C-alpha atoms as a PDB file:
ATOM      1  CA  GLN A   1       2.063  -5.671  -1.196  1.00  0.00           C
ATOM      2  CA  GLN A   2       2.474  -2.122  -2.497  1.00  0.00           C
ATOM      3  CA  CYS A   3       4.609   0.288  -0.504  1.00  0.00           C
ATOM      4  CA  SER A   4       2.661   3.404   0.455  1.00  0.00           C
ATOM      5  CA  ALA A   5       5.922   5.367   0.612  1.00  0.00           C
ATOM      6  CA  CYS A   6       7.539   4.561  -2.750  1.00  0.00           C
ATOM      7  CA  GLY A   7       4.964   2.490  -4.671  1.00  0.00           C
ATOM      8  CA  HIS A   8       7.177  -0.581  -5.024  1.00  0.00           C
ATOM      9  CA  VAL A   9       5.195  -3.830  -5.347  1.00  0.00           C
ATOM     10  CA  ASP A  10       6.669  -7.151  -4.209  1.00  0.00           C
ATOM     11  CA  LYS A  11       5.205 -10.169  -2.417  1.00  0.00           C
ATOM     12  CA  LYS A  12       8.317 -10.143  -0.220  1.00  0.00           C
ATOM     13  CA  ASN A  13       7.197  -6.779   1.211  1.00  0.00           C
ATOM     14  CA  ARG A  14       4.923  -8.805   3.523  1.00  0.00           C
ATOM     15  CA  PRO A  15       7.238 -11.132   5.475  1.00  0.00           C
ATOM     16  CA  ASP A  16       4.296 -12.090   7.716  1.00  0.00           C
ATOM     17  CA  GLN A  17       0.609 -11.260   8.253  1.00  0.00           C
ATOM     18  CA  GLU A  18       1.152  -8.142  10.373  1.00  0.00           C
ATOM     19  CA  THR A  19       4.376  -6.671   9.012  1.00  0.00           C
ATOM     20  CA  PHE A  20       5.014  -4.550   5.940  1.00  0.00           C
ATOM     21  CA  LEU A  21       8.683  -3.972   5.086  1.00  0.00           C
ATOM     22  CA  CYS A  22       9.490  -2.533   1.658  1.00  0.00           C
ATOM     23  CA  THR A  23      12.313  -4.406  -0.059  1.00  0.00           C
ATOM     24  CA  SER A  24      13.069  -1.302  -2.139  1.00  0.00           C
ATOM     25  CA  CYS A  25      13.074   1.721   0.196  1.00  0.00           C
ATOM     26  CA  GLY A  26      13.049   0.046   3.626  1.00  0.00           C
ATOM     27  CA  PHE A  27       9.765   1.649   4.758  1.00  0.00           C
ATOM     28  CA  ALA A  28       8.307  -0.330   7.678  1.00  0.00           C
ATOM     29  CA  GLU A  29       4.729  -0.184   8.966  1.00  0.00           C
ATOM     30  CA  HIS A  30       1.944  -2.412  10.236  1.00  0.00           C
ATOM     31  CA  ALA A  31       0.527  -4.094   7.110  1.00  0.00           C
ATOM     32  CA  ASP A  32      -3.018  -2.844   7.763  1.00  0.00           C
ATOM     33  CA  VAL A  33      -1.831   0.758   8.126  1.00  0.00           C
ATOM     34  CA  ASN A  34       0.159   0.510   4.900  1.00  0.00           C
ATOM     35  CA  ALA A  35      -2.925  -0.862   3.124  1.00  0.00           C
ATOM     36  CA  ALA A  36      -5.085   1.960   4.509  1.00  0.00           C
ATOM     37  CA  ARG A  37      -2.598   4.530   3.229  1.00  0.00           C
ATOM     38  CA  ASN A  38      -2.729   2.943  -0.230  1.00  0.00           C
ATOM     39  CA  ILE A  39      -6.545   2.948  -0.243  1.00  0.00           C
ATOM     40  CA  ALA A  40      -6.645   6.598   0.852  1.00  0.00           C
ATOM     41  CA  SER A  41      -4.156   7.551  -1.841  1.00  0.00           C
ATOM     42  CA  ARG A  42      -6.244   5.854  -4.518  1.00  0.00           C
ATOM     43  CA  ALA A  43      -9.418   7.541  -3.269  1.00  0.00           C
ATOM     44  CA  VAL A  44      -7.798  10.975  -3.459  1.00  0.00           C
ATOM     45  CA  ALA A  45      -6.623  10.184  -6.995  1.00  0.00           C
ATOM     46  CA  GLY A  46     -10.179   9.211  -7.982  1.00  0.00           C
ATOM     47  CA  TRP A  47      -9.377   5.513  -8.426  1.00  0.00           C
ATOM     48  CA  ALA A  48     -12.214   4.418  -6.151  1.00  0.00           C
ATOM     49  CA  VAL A  49     -14.837   6.759  -7.620  1.00  0.00           C
ATOM     50  CA  SER A  50     -17.459   5.233  -9.885  1.00  0.00           C
ATOM     51  CA  HIS A  51     -17.976   7.083 -13.154  1.00  0.00           C
ATOM     52  CA  ALA A  52     -21.013   5.018 -14.175  1.00  0.00           C
ATOM     53  CA  ALA A  53     -24.040   6.924 -15.407  1.00  0.00           C
END
């Protein structure tokens, strides 16, 4: 539900299972592609990296 273009989060960004349409910036993409972009962005930022010893 997070826009990979602007970061806006809203449940309404997913009008159906396949569609992502940002209610803030208007970015439109297949929902799975948008999710993949968000995951990749978090990985690059180190969000998905474990820092456990």
